[in-house]
Protein backbone atom coordinates (compact mmCIF):
# COMPACT_ATOMS: atom_id res chain seq x y z
CA UNK A 1 1.51 -29.70 -6.82
CA UNK A 2 0.62 -29.79 -3.13
CA UNK A 3 2.48 -32.43 -1.16
CA UNK A 4 5.38 -32.83 -3.58
CA UNK A 5 6.63 -29.31 -4.29
CA UNK A 6 9.13 -29.31 -1.47
CA UNK A 7 10.91 -32.31 -2.99
CA UNK A 8 11.46 -30.74 -6.43
CA UNK A 9 14.95 -29.65 -7.43
CA UNK A 10 15.25 -26.80 -9.93
CA UNK A 11 18.12 -25.35 -11.92
CA UNK A 12 17.62 -21.77 -13.14
CA UNK A 13 19.78 -20.80 -16.13
CA UNK A 14 19.68 -17.03 -16.54
CA UNK A 15 22.47 -14.56 -17.28
CA UNK A 16 20.76 -11.52 -15.73
CA UNK A 17 21.15 -11.39 -11.93
CA UNK A 18 17.91 -9.45 -11.35
CA UNK A 19 15.92 -12.00 -13.35
CA UNK A 20 17.57 -14.85 -11.46
CA UNK A 21 16.39 -13.21 -8.23
CA UNK A 22 12.85 -12.76 -9.60
CA UNK A 23 12.65 -16.40 -10.66
CA UNK A 24 14.01 -17.55 -7.31
CA UNK A 25 11.33 -15.50 -5.52
CA UNK A 26 8.57 -16.77 -7.80
CA UNK A 27 9.63 -20.38 -7.26
CA UNK A 28 9.68 -19.78 -3.50
CA UNK A 29 6.04 -18.65 -3.65
CA UNK A 30 5.31 -22.00 -5.35
CA UNK A 31 6.94 -23.77 -2.42
CA UNK A 32 10.15 -24.69 -4.28
CA UNK A 33 13.29 -24.07 -2.24
CA UNK A 34 15.74 -26.69 -3.55
CA UNK A 35 17.11 -24.41 -6.20
CA UNK A 36 20.45 -23.74 -7.88
CA UNK A 37 21.26 -21.04 -10.42
CA UNK A 38 23.70 -20.74 -13.32
CA UNK A 39 24.48 -17.55 -15.20
CA UNK A 40 25.75 -19.30 -18.35
CA UNK A 41 25.31 -22.49 -20.32
CA UNK A 42 28.83 -23.59 -19.40
CA UNK A 43 28.17 -23.21 -15.69
CA UNK A 44 24.87 -25.06 -16.05
CA UNK A 45 26.54 -27.94 -17.92
CA UNK A 46 29.06 -28.38 -15.12
CA UNK A 47 26.23 -28.53 -12.57
CA UNK A 48 24.33 -31.05 -14.70
CA UNK A 49 27.36 -33.32 -14.79
CA UNK A 50 27.23 -33.52 -10.98
CA UNK A 51 23.51 -33.53 -10.21
CA UNK A 52 20.12 -34.51 -11.67
CA UNK A 53 17.35 -31.88 -11.45
CA UNK A 54 13.60 -32.27 -11.74
CA UNK A 55 13.20 -29.01 -13.66
CA UNK A 56 15.45 -26.71 -15.67
CA UNK A 57 14.07 -23.20 -16.06
CA UNK A 58 16.12 -21.58 -18.82
CA UNK A 59 16.18 -18.10 -20.34
CA UNK A 60 16.17 -18.15 -24.15
CA UNK A 61 18.76 -15.36 -24.52
CA UNK A 62 21.83 -16.33 -22.52
CA UNK A 63 24.30 -13.82 -23.96
CA UNK A 64 27.67 -14.40 -25.63
CA UNK A 65 26.08 -15.92 -28.73
CA UNK A 66 24.50 -18.82 -26.84
CA UNK A 67 20.77 -19.32 -26.53
CA UNK A 68 18.53 -21.65 -24.59
CA UNK A 69 17.63 -23.74 -27.64
CA UNK A 70 21.30 -24.48 -28.38
CA UNK A 71 21.80 -25.31 -24.70
CA UNK A 72 18.85 -27.72 -24.75
CA UNK A 73 20.18 -29.45 -27.88
CA UNK A 74 23.65 -29.77 -26.34
CA UNK A 75 22.51 -31.36 -23.09
CA UNK A 76 20.03 -33.71 -24.81
CA UNK A 77 22.50 -34.78 -27.51
CA UNK A 78 25.22 -35.41 -24.93
CA UNK A 79 22.81 -37.22 -22.57
CA UNK A 80 23.44 -34.88 -19.67
CA UNK A 81 19.82 -35.01 -18.48
CA UNK A 82 17.32 -37.86 -18.30
CA UNK A 83 13.97 -37.66 -20.07
CA UNK A 84 12.33 -37.09 -16.69
CA UNK A 85 14.09 -33.73 -16.27
CA UNK A 86 11.62 -31.11 -17.44
CA UNK A 87 13.10 -28.31 -19.54
CA UNK A 88 11.02 -25.12 -19.56
CA UNK A 89 12.10 -22.16 -21.70
CA UNK A 90 11.54 -18.60 -20.53
CA UNK A 91 11.45 -16.08 -23.36
CA UNK A 92 10.21 -12.67 -24.40
CA UNK A 93 10.29 -13.77 -28.06
CA UNK A 94 6.72 -14.00 -29.34
CA UNK A 95 8.05 -15.86 -32.38
CA UNK A 96 9.57 -18.65 -30.28
CA UNK A 97 6.60 -20.96 -30.92
CA UNK A 98 7.44 -20.88 -34.60
CA UNK A 99 11.14 -21.47 -33.93
CA UNK A 100 10.44 -24.73 -32.05
CA UNK A 101 7.38 -25.77 -34.05
CA UNK A 102 9.50 -28.10 -36.17
CA UNK A 103 12.35 -28.64 -33.72
CA UNK A 104 13.74 -32.13 -33.27
CA UNK A 105 14.41 -31.32 -29.63
CA UNK A 106 11.74 -29.07 -28.17
CA UNK A 107 11.39 -28.01 -24.52
CA UNK A 108 8.69 -29.59 -22.40
CA UNK A 109 7.05 -26.17 -22.21
CA UNK A 110 7.85 -22.48 -22.62
CA UNK A 111 6.65 -19.34 -20.87
CA UNK A 112 6.43 -15.91 -22.48
CA UNK A 113 7.62 -12.95 -20.44
CA UNK A 114 6.39 -11.03 -18.56
CA UNK A 115 4.50 -13.48 -16.36
CA UNK A 116 3.14 -13.65 -12.82
CA UNK A 117 3.91 -16.30 -10.17
CA UNK A 118 0.49 -17.89 -10.67
CA UNK A 119 1.23 -18.52 -14.34
CA UNK A 120 4.59 -20.06 -13.49
CA UNK A 121 2.93 -22.30 -10.92
CA UNK A 122 0.26 -23.40 -13.43
CA UNK A 123 2.87 -24.21 -16.07
CA UNK A 124 4.97 -26.19 -13.61
CA UNK A 125 1.90 -28.10 -12.49
CA UNK A 126 0.95 -28.86 -16.09
CA UNK A 127 4.47 -30.05 -16.93
CA UNK A 128 4.64 -32.27 -13.82
CA UNK A 129 1.25 -33.85 -14.60
CA UNK A 130 2.49 -34.64 -18.10
CA UNK A 131 5.72 -36.05 -16.69
CA UNK A 132 3.71 -38.40 -14.52
CA UNK A 133 1.82 -39.67 -17.57
CA UNK A 134 5.02 -40.26 -19.55
CA UNK A 135 7.27 -41.54 -16.77
CA UNK A 136 6.73 -45.26 -17.46
CA UNK A 137 7.46 -44.89 -21.18
CA UNK A 138 10.54 -42.74 -20.50
CA UNK A 139 11.91 -45.28 -18.02
CA UNK A 140 11.56 -48.02 -20.63
CA UNK A 141 13.33 -45.84 -23.20
CA UNK A 142 16.24 -45.17 -20.85
CA UNK A 143 16.45 -48.88 -19.96
CA UNK A 144 16.92 -49.60 -23.68
CA UNK A 145 13.60 -51.45 -23.93
CA UNK A 146 12.26 -49.81 -27.08
CA UNK A 147 9.65 -52.47 -27.85
CA UNK A 148 7.89 -52.09 -24.49
CA UNK A 149 8.29 -48.31 -24.67
CA UNK A 150 6.43 -48.32 -27.99
CA UNK A 151 3.69 -50.43 -26.41
CA UNK A 152 3.58 -48.01 -23.45
CA UNK A 153 3.05 -45.15 -25.91
CA UNK A 154 0.16 -46.98 -27.54
CA UNK A 155 -1.39 -47.54 -24.11
CA UNK A 156 -0.70 -43.93 -23.13
CA UNK A 157 -2.63 -42.63 -26.17
CA UNK A 158 -5.74 -44.36 -24.79
CA UNK A 159 -5.18 -43.77 -21.08
CA UNK A 160 -4.24 -40.08 -21.41
CA UNK A 161 -6.19 -38.70 -24.39
CA UNK A 162 -5.06 -35.15 -23.59
CA UNK A 163 -1.50 -36.24 -24.42
CA UNK A 164 -2.37 -38.57 -27.31
CA UNK A 165 -0.51 -36.57 -29.94
CA UNK A 166 2.58 -36.38 -27.69
CA UNK A 167 2.54 -40.16 -27.26
CA UNK A 168 2.27 -40.50 -31.04
CA UNK A 169 5.34 -38.30 -31.42
CA UNK A 170 7.39 -40.36 -28.97
CA UNK A 171 6.21 -43.60 -30.61
CA UNK A 172 7.23 -42.38 -34.06
CA UNK A 173 10.66 -41.30 -32.78
CA UNK A 174 11.20 -44.70 -31.15
CA UNK A 175 10.20 -46.51 -34.34
CA UNK A 176 12.61 -44.39 -36.36
CA UNK A 177 15.38 -44.86 -33.80
CA UNK A 178 15.02 -48.65 -33.99
CA UNK A 179 15.25 -48.75 -37.77
CA UNK A 180 11.51 -49.06 -38.45
CA UNK A 181 11.34 -46.03 -40.73
CA UNK A 182 8.30 -47.25 -42.64
CA UNK A 183 6.30 -47.71 -39.42
CA UNK A 184 7.48 -44.29 -38.20
CA UNK A 185 6.33 -42.76 -41.47
CA UNK A 186 2.87 -44.28 -40.97
CA UNK A 187 2.59 -42.69 -37.50
CA UNK A 188 3.66 -39.26 -38.75
CA UNK A 189 1.10 -39.53 -41.56
CA UNK A 190 -1.54 -40.46 -38.97
CA UNK A 191 -0.73 -37.28 -37.02
CA UNK A 192 -0.88 -35.19 -40.19
CA UNK A 193 -4.31 -36.60 -41.03
CA UNK A 194 -5.55 -35.04 -37.78
CA UNK A 195 -3.85 -31.67 -38.18
CA UNK A 196 -0.88 -30.05 -39.89
CA UNK A 197 1.70 -30.21 -37.12
CA UNK A 198 5.13 -28.89 -38.21
CA UNK A 199 7.12 -31.43 -36.17
CA UNK A 200 5.17 -34.26 -37.82
CA UNK A 201 6.10 -32.95 -41.26
CA UNK A 202 9.74 -32.82 -40.20
CA UNK A 203 9.46 -36.37 -38.83
CA UNK A 204 7.90 -37.55 -42.08
CA UNK A 205 10.81 -36.05 -44.02
CA UNK A 206 13.30 -37.78 -41.72
CA UNK A 207 11.55 -41.13 -42.19
CA UNK A 208 11.62 -40.68 -45.97
CA UNK A 209 15.31 -39.75 -45.74
CA UNK A 210 16.00 -42.94 -43.79
CA UNK A 211 14.28 -44.92 -46.53
CA UNK A 212 16.50 -43.14 -49.08
CA UNK A 213 13.47 -41.50 -50.70
CA UNK A 214 15.38 -38.24 -50.94
CA UNK A 215 13.27 -36.46 -53.56
CA UNK A 216 10.10 -36.96 -51.50
CA UNK A 217 11.89 -35.89 -48.31
CA UNK A 218 13.10 -32.72 -50.02
CA UNK A 219 9.60 -31.84 -51.21
CA UNK A 220 8.18 -32.25 -47.69
CA UNK A 221 10.94 -30.05 -46.27
CA UNK A 222 10.52 -27.35 -48.92
CA UNK A 223 6.78 -27.33 -48.22
CA UNK A 224 7.47 -26.96 -44.51
CA UNK A 225 9.88 -24.08 -45.09
CA UNK A 226 7.38 -22.38 -47.36
CA UNK A 227 5.13 -22.22 -44.29
CA UNK A 228 7.90 -20.59 -42.26
CA UNK A 229 11.59 -19.92 -42.84
CA UNK A 230 12.04 -20.02 -39.06
CA UNK A 231 12.03 -23.85 -38.95
CA UNK A 232 15.78 -24.25 -38.40
CA UNK A 233 15.83 -28.05 -38.14
CA UNK A 234 14.03 -28.24 -41.48
CA UNK A 235 16.90 -26.28 -43.07
CA UNK A 236 19.40 -28.69 -41.51
CA UNK A 237 17.53 -31.74 -42.80
CA UNK A 238 17.19 -30.15 -46.22
CA UNK A 239 20.99 -29.80 -46.24
CA UNK A 240 21.43 -33.46 -45.20
CA UNK A 241 19.01 -34.59 -47.89
CA UNK A 242 20.85 -32.63 -50.56
CA UNK A 243 24.21 -33.92 -49.34
CA UNK A 244 22.89 -37.49 -49.63
CA UNK A 245 22.47 -37.03 -53.39
CA UNK A 246 25.78 -35.18 -53.79
CA UNK A 247 24.28 -31.68 -54.21
CA UNK A 248 26.86 -29.99 -51.98
CA UNK A 249 26.38 -26.44 -53.27
CA UNK A 250 22.63 -26.65 -52.66
CA UNK A 251 23.28 -28.21 -49.23
CA UNK A 252 25.54 -25.31 -48.31
CA UNK A 253 22.86 -22.82 -49.39
CA UNK A 254 20.42 -24.45 -46.96
CA UNK A 255 22.94 -24.39 -44.13
CA UNK A 256 23.78 -20.75 -44.79
CA UNK A 257 20.11 -19.79 -44.71
CA UNK A 258 19.73 -21.48 -41.32
CA UNK A 259 22.88 -19.76 -40.12
CA UNK A 260 21.48 -16.36 -41.11
CA UNK A 261 18.47 -17.06 -38.90
CA UNK A 262 20.51 -18.49 -36.02
CA UNK A 263 24.13 -17.34 -36.41
CA UNK A 264 25.57 -18.86 -33.24
CA UNK A 265 24.98 -22.62 -33.69
CA UNK A 266 28.45 -24.13 -33.67
CA UNK A 267 27.61 -27.48 -35.29
CA UNK A 268 25.94 -25.74 -38.24
CA UNK A 269 28.80 -23.30 -38.72
CA UNK A 270 31.23 -26.22 -38.59
CA UNK A 271 29.33 -28.05 -41.32
CA UNK A 272 29.28 -24.93 -43.53
CA UNK A 273 33.06 -24.76 -43.22
CA UNK A 274 33.45 -28.46 -44.00
CA UNK A 275 31.23 -28.26 -47.08
CA UNK A 276 33.11 -25.15 -48.26
CA UNK A 277 36.35 -27.13 -47.98
CA UNK A 278 34.84 -29.98 -50.01
CA UNK A 279 33.69 -27.51 -52.66
CA UNK A 280 37.11 -25.86 -52.81
CA UNK A 281 35.78 -22.49 -51.61
CA UNK A 282 38.75 -21.92 -49.34
CA UNK A 283 38.06 -18.27 -48.54
CA UNK A 284 34.60 -19.11 -47.17
CA UNK A 285 36.02 -22.15 -45.40
CA UNK A 286 38.69 -20.06 -43.67
CA UNK A 287 36.26 -17.32 -42.66
CA UNK A 288 33.69 -19.77 -41.27
CA UNK A 289 36.12 -22.13 -39.57
CA UNK A 290 37.94 -19.20 -37.98
CA UNK A 291 34.66 -18.28 -36.31
CA UNK A 292 34.08 -21.91 -35.28
CA UNK A 293 37.51 -22.04 -33.65
CA UNK A 294 37.00 -18.67 -31.95
CA UNK A 295 33.67 -19.66 -30.44
CA UNK A 296 34.43 -23.32 -29.91
CA UNK A 297 37.48 -22.89 -27.71
CA UNK A 298 35.20 -21.72 -24.86
CA UNK A 299 32.68 -24.51 -25.35
CA UNK A 300 32.38 -27.55 -23.11
CA UNK A 301 32.10 -29.58 -26.33
CA UNK A 302 35.07 -28.08 -28.20
CA UNK A 303 36.95 -30.21 -30.72
CA UNK A 304 40.62 -29.72 -31.71
CA UNK A 305 39.83 -31.07 -35.19
CA UNK A 306 38.30 -27.64 -35.92
CA UNK A 307 41.81 -26.18 -35.77
CA UNK A 308 43.07 -28.77 -38.27
CA UNK A 309 40.31 -27.86 -40.73
CA UNK A 310 41.13 -24.17 -40.32
CA UNK A 311 44.84 -24.84 -40.91
CA UNK A 312 43.90 -26.75 -44.08
CA UNK A 313 41.81 -23.82 -45.35
CA UNK A 314 44.53 -21.30 -44.51
CA UNK A 315 47.21 -23.31 -46.27
CA UNK A 316 44.85 -23.62 -49.22
CA UNK A 317 44.78 -19.84 -49.64
CA UNK A 318 48.55 -19.64 -49.13
CA UNK A 319 48.42 -18.11 -45.65
CA UNK A 320 51.04 -20.26 -43.91
CA UNK A 321 51.64 -17.49 -41.34
CA UNK A 322 47.98 -17.62 -40.26
CA UNK A 323 48.13 -21.42 -40.26
CA UNK A 324 51.15 -21.29 -37.92
CA UNK A 325 49.23 -18.95 -35.60
CA UNK A 326 46.26 -21.34 -35.62
CA UNK A 327 48.60 -24.19 -34.75
CA UNK A 328 49.94 -22.26 -31.77
CA UNK A 329 46.38 -21.49 -30.66
CA UNK A 330 45.54 -25.20 -30.91
CA UNK A 331 48.36 -26.04 -28.52
CA UNK A 332 47.34 -23.28 -26.12
CA UNK A 333 43.53 -23.53 -26.07
CA UNK A 334 42.98 -27.28 -26.54
CA UNK A 335 45.54 -28.50 -24.03
CA UNK A 336 44.59 -31.71 -22.25
CA UNK A 337 41.93 -32.92 -24.69
CA UNK A 338 42.38 -36.50 -26.02
CA UNK A 339 42.82 -35.58 -29.70
CA UNK A 340 44.97 -32.49 -29.21
CA UNK A 341 48.39 -34.13 -29.64
CA UNK A 342 47.27 -35.93 -32.80
CA UNK A 343 45.81 -32.71 -34.21
CA UNK A 344 48.97 -30.78 -33.34
CA UNK A 345 51.16 -33.35 -35.11
CA UNK A 346 49.00 -33.41 -38.23
CA UNK A 347 48.74 -29.61 -38.38
CA UNK A 348 52.51 -29.35 -38.02
CA UNK A 349 53.05 -31.83 -40.85
CA UNK A 350 50.72 -29.85 -43.11
CA UNK A 351 52.38 -26.50 -42.29
CA UNK A 352 55.95 -27.83 -42.65
CA UNK A 353 55.03 -29.46 -45.98
CA UNK A 354 53.65 -26.14 -47.25
CA UNK A 355 56.82 -24.37 -46.13
CA UNK A 356 58.96 -26.93 -47.98
CA UNK A 357 60.60 -28.37 -44.85
CA UNK A 358 60.32 -32.03 -45.83
CA UNK A 359 62.34 -33.38 -42.90
CA UNK A 360 60.12 -31.73 -40.28
CA UNK A 361 56.96 -32.59 -42.23
CA UNK A 362 58.00 -36.26 -42.35
CA UNK A 363 58.83 -36.30 -38.64
CA UNK A 364 55.48 -34.70 -37.73
CA UNK A 365 53.54 -37.07 -40.02
CA UNK A 366 55.22 -40.11 -38.45
CA UNK A 367 54.38 -38.74 -35.00
CA UNK A 368 50.72 -38.29 -36.04
CA UNK A 369 50.53 -41.88 -37.31
CA UNK A 370 51.94 -43.16 -34.02
CA UNK A 371 49.36 -41.10 -32.11
CA UNK A 372 46.43 -42.44 -34.15
CA UNK A 373 44.42 -44.54 -31.70
CA UNK A 374 40.85 -45.82 -32.17
CA UNK A 375 39.94 -44.65 -28.66
CA UNK A 376 40.46 -41.02 -29.69
CA UNK A 377 37.49 -41.05 -32.07
CA UNK A 378 39.30 -39.24 -34.89
CA UNK A 379 37.02 -38.57 -37.86
CA UNK A 380 37.46 -40.08 -41.29
CA UNK A 381 38.16 -36.59 -42.67
CA UNK A 382 41.14 -36.18 -40.32
CA UNK A 383 42.47 -39.62 -41.23
CA UNK A 384 42.18 -38.80 -44.93
CA UNK A 385 44.23 -35.65 -44.37
CA UNK A 386 46.83 -37.72 -42.54
CA UNK A 387 46.95 -40.30 -45.35
CA UNK A 388 47.41 -37.48 -47.87
CA UNK A 389 50.34 -36.02 -45.91
CA UNK A 390 51.96 -39.47 -45.64
CA UNK A 391 51.68 -40.02 -49.38
CA UNK A 392 53.11 -36.57 -50.11
CA UNK A 393 56.05 -37.29 -47.78
CA UNK A 394 56.55 -40.74 -49.39
CA UNK A 395 55.75 -42.58 -46.16
CA UNK A 396 54.35 -45.59 -48.02
CA UNK A 397 53.96 -47.98 -45.09
CA UNK A 398 52.38 -45.36 -42.85
CA UNK A 399 50.03 -44.23 -45.64
CA UNK A 400 48.89 -47.82 -46.19
CA UNK A 401 48.32 -48.28 -42.44
CA UNK A 402 46.20 -45.13 -42.21
CA UNK A 403 44.19 -46.03 -45.32
CA UNK A 404 43.52 -49.52 -43.95
CA UNK A 405 42.39 -47.93 -40.69
CA UNK A 406 39.96 -45.77 -42.66
CA UNK A 407 38.70 -48.75 -44.63
CA UNK A 408 38.28 -50.91 -41.55
CA UNK A 409 36.14 -48.16 -40.03
CA UNK A 410 34.24 -47.56 -43.26
CA UNK A 411 30.55 -48.39 -43.06
CA UNK A 412 30.34 -50.38 -46.28
CA UNK A 413 31.84 -51.04 -49.71
CA UNK A 414 30.63 -47.65 -50.99
CA UNK A 415 32.61 -45.88 -48.25
CA UNK A 416 35.67 -48.00 -49.06
CA UNK A 417 35.28 -47.01 -52.71
CA UNK A 418 35.26 -43.36 -51.62
CA UNK A 419 38.68 -43.78 -50.02
CA UNK A 420 39.91 -45.51 -53.19
CA UNK A 421 38.75 -42.52 -55.22
CA UNK A 422 40.69 -40.16 -52.92
CA UNK A 423 43.87 -42.17 -53.46
CA UNK A 424 43.30 -42.04 -57.21
CA UNK A 425 43.12 -38.25 -57.00
CA UNK A 426 46.44 -38.31 -55.12
CA UNK A 427 48.02 -40.28 -57.93
CA UNK A 428 48.01 -43.63 -56.12
CA UNK A 429 45.09 -45.56 -57.65
CA UNK A 430 46.97 -48.87 -57.39
CA UNK A 431 47.33 -48.48 -53.60
CA UNK A 432 43.62 -47.79 -53.26
CA UNK A 433 42.62 -50.73 -55.44
CA UNK A 434 44.88 -53.24 -53.69
CA UNK A 435 43.89 -52.15 -50.19
CA UNK A 436 40.18 -52.04 -51.07
CA UNK A 437 40.36 -55.56 -52.48
CA UNK A 438 42.20 -56.76 -49.38
CA UNK A 439 39.62 -55.11 -47.14
CA UNK A 440 36.61 -56.55 -48.98
CA UNK A 441 38.18 -60.02 -48.94
CA UNK A 442 38.75 -59.74 -45.18
CA UNK A 443 35.09 -58.87 -44.63
CA UNK A 444 33.83 -61.72 -46.83
CA UNK A 445 36.13 -64.25 -45.18
CA UNK A 446 35.21 -63.16 -41.66
CA UNK A 447 31.49 -63.22 -42.43
CA UNK A 448 31.69 -66.62 -44.11
CA UNK A 449 33.62 -68.28 -41.29
CA UNK A 450 31.27 -66.86 -38.65
CA UNK A 451 28.23 -68.15 -40.53
CA UNK A 452 29.78 -71.63 -40.92
CA UNK A 453 30.50 -71.81 -37.18
CA UNK A 454 26.89 -70.94 -36.34
CA UNK A 455 25.59 -73.51 -38.83
CA UNK A 456 27.72 -76.18 -37.12
CA UNK A 457 26.20 -75.19 -33.78
CA UNK A 458 29.42 -73.62 -32.50
CA UNK A 459 27.67 -70.50 -31.21
CA UNK A 460 30.41 -69.60 -28.75
CA UNK A 461 33.02 -69.88 -31.50
CA UNK A 462 30.90 -67.74 -33.81
CA UNK A 463 30.64 -65.05 -31.12
CA UNK A 464 34.40 -65.05 -30.48
CA UNK A 465 35.11 -64.92 -34.22
CA UNK A 466 32.68 -62.09 -34.93
CA UNK A 467 33.81 -59.97 -31.96
CA UNK A 468 37.34 -60.25 -33.33
CA UNK A 469 35.96 -59.05 -36.67
CA UNK A 470 34.46 -56.04 -34.88
CA UNK A 471 37.81 -55.30 -33.26
CA UNK A 472 39.49 -55.35 -36.67
CA UNK A 473 36.70 -53.56 -38.58
CA UNK A 474 34.87 -51.48 -35.95
CA UNK A 475 32.92 -49.26 -38.35
CA UNK A 476 31.78 -51.82 -40.92
CA UNK A 477 28.00 -52.10 -40.70
CA UNK A 478 27.91 -55.63 -42.10
CA UNK A 479 30.36 -56.75 -39.42
CA UNK A 480 28.40 -54.96 -36.67
CA UNK A 481 25.17 -56.57 -37.83
CA UNK A 482 26.57 -60.10 -38.04
CA UNK A 483 28.36 -59.81 -34.70
CA UNK A 484 25.14 -58.71 -32.99
CA UNK A 485 23.31 -61.55 -34.73
CA UNK A 486 25.91 -64.09 -33.52
CA UNK A 487 25.45 -62.91 -29.93
CA UNK A 488 21.66 -63.14 -30.17
CA UNK A 489 21.83 -66.61 -31.72
CA UNK A 490 24.05 -67.69 -28.83
CA UNK A 491 21.44 -66.44 -26.35
CA UNK A 492 18.60 -68.09 -28.27
CA UNK A 493 20.29 -71.51 -28.35
CA UNK A 494 22.43 -71.48 -25.18
CA UNK A 495 20.34 -69.42 -22.76
CA UNK A 496 20.44 -65.92 -21.36
CA UNK A 497 23.87 -64.39 -20.89
CA UNK A 498 23.81 -60.86 -19.47
CA UNK A 499 27.29 -60.00 -20.76
CA UNK A 500 26.48 -61.17 -24.29
CA UNK A 501 23.19 -59.28 -24.16
CA UNK A 502 24.99 -56.09 -23.15
CA UNK A 503 27.50 -56.57 -25.99
CA UNK A 504 24.66 -57.15 -28.48
CA UNK A 505 22.87 -54.01 -27.31
CA UNK A 506 26.06 -52.00 -27.74
CA UNK A 507 26.61 -53.32 -31.28
CA UNK A 508 23.00 -52.61 -32.26
CA UNK A 509 23.38 -49.05 -30.95
CA UNK A 510 26.57 -48.62 -32.98
CA UNK A 511 24.89 -49.98 -36.11
CA UNK A 512 21.96 -47.65 -35.55
CA UNK A 513 24.27 -44.64 -35.25
CA UNK A 514 26.32 -45.61 -38.31
CA UNK A 515 23.39 -46.56 -40.55
CA UNK A 516 20.01 -45.51 -39.11
CA UNK A 517 18.22 -46.48 -42.32
CA UNK A 518 19.60 -50.03 -42.39
CA UNK A 519 16.66 -52.25 -43.44
CA UNK A 520 17.82 -55.05 -41.11
CA UNK A 521 17.97 -52.85 -38.03
CA UNK A 522 14.29 -53.10 -37.12
CA UNK A 523 14.34 -56.92 -37.23
CA UNK A 524 17.48 -56.95 -35.07
CA UNK A 525 15.78 -54.80 -32.42
CA UNK A 526 12.73 -57.08 -32.44
CA UNK A 527 14.94 -60.18 -32.16
CA UNK A 528 16.71 -58.70 -29.14
CA UNK A 529 13.49 -57.58 -27.44
CA UNK A 530 11.91 -60.98 -28.11
CA UNK A 531 14.78 -62.73 -26.34
CA UNK A 532 14.50 -60.35 -23.38
CA UNK A 533 10.82 -61.29 -23.02
CA UNK A 534 11.40 -65.01 -23.62
CA UNK A 535 13.97 -65.28 -20.85
CA UNK A 536 12.28 -62.79 -18.54
CA UNK A 537 15.45 -60.77 -18.47
CA UNK A 538 15.92 -57.07 -17.91
CA UNK A 539 17.58 -55.03 -20.63
CA UNK A 540 19.76 -52.34 -19.11
CA UNK A 541 21.01 -49.63 -21.40
CA UNK A 542 24.31 -48.29 -20.22
CA UNK A 543 25.78 -45.05 -21.50
């Protein structure tokens, strides 16, 4: 590391002051002086929002129910650090290797305590050498140029044979992330032909899941968990696979097993509570969601919708007094967050309805409908609860508006049919049928008119028309696909347009998030990347 150590910036995340001092002294012996320290994940997150570090050195046990693996997942999932920031875990847990063996998001390296300064220096040197090998591929990934990043991985396998299996992993992840699940599966199988790597088995299961081959995915995951119950991400994917075929009870069992092994992961606890609500197990839902609310209110990623779910569970068991207390806590602890006012209004409507105060319930429901704004990012589950309250309070117009909002954000006809089924269960099947028919007709008409414009050569008109369709139906995957296609056809026939390219990239990203297994997604990525190359343009990926 000679010659470049003095330029490295390091963030130490460690809750014990004496260990922070030891790490600071060890890093100083390595020549690293540009160092900051954080005693909790929350403090570290605030630092990461203001500054980019070369290295994060993080203790596994951070206290207060948080651990380094959760912290890593949070900052990667919320894009708080670039790929070039090296994350090195420090742990006294000899079993940690097994914990991260099948992790979707693993650290760049980990060091077992106790260790000497020389070992720390060697590990830092090793991680920095690997970073240098991967830097070009990572830069392409972060620029949104997946096609060239995949090529860079293929080249990296040959140029850096010591890291060949790591380049294969990144290549497979990029293929999966761009909708090429079958190609990703082939890469994971190639890795597994060389040796039985747990993360490759997990990746294979994910690729099979994307291809809707759920039985095969489940068998791979069960085989992986038979090797070790410590593979937490395998439990999570087993739950997702079971949910995909409607086996909610079995999905909950998988989530609960993972929660036994790692009891402080908020997203997993939240999902257990949600599934318990869906299954009608209100006691479990209340107990779990109460813990989610308790822990979540101190998180940098807290969500006021957790309070709404808890209120729903509490009302379900007839505990309106506890629901009222939860509502007051929502107002106190979630103040200032974008969704808080909406969640307060909906919770109030639910509580007042339970208490038999129809006038106040109606007033609160109307207020919630007025607060419903696409920019808030309210979930479909919350909107369904709002639609239910409106129907119960005989707010017909408002109920129809909320249901249409749900349908316009629904991914496809199957999701629309799910909303129709909910309305049938509420005794309003005719409302569901009429709105679903209206929605499906809207989609068909918008798609047909956009296609006719493109066929006539009116590419600008097709773009304008399809972007309006996206505005009206922002979650519909068919609309997202055809709008992205209209933008790319414009570029192909009319020349490079940076604004249109940026819009197309954004729509492809949204489609990928909504339907990662969409069979058309891979071709759309290739079409986009082909146009970038053809026009010699640069594809910037903006967050």
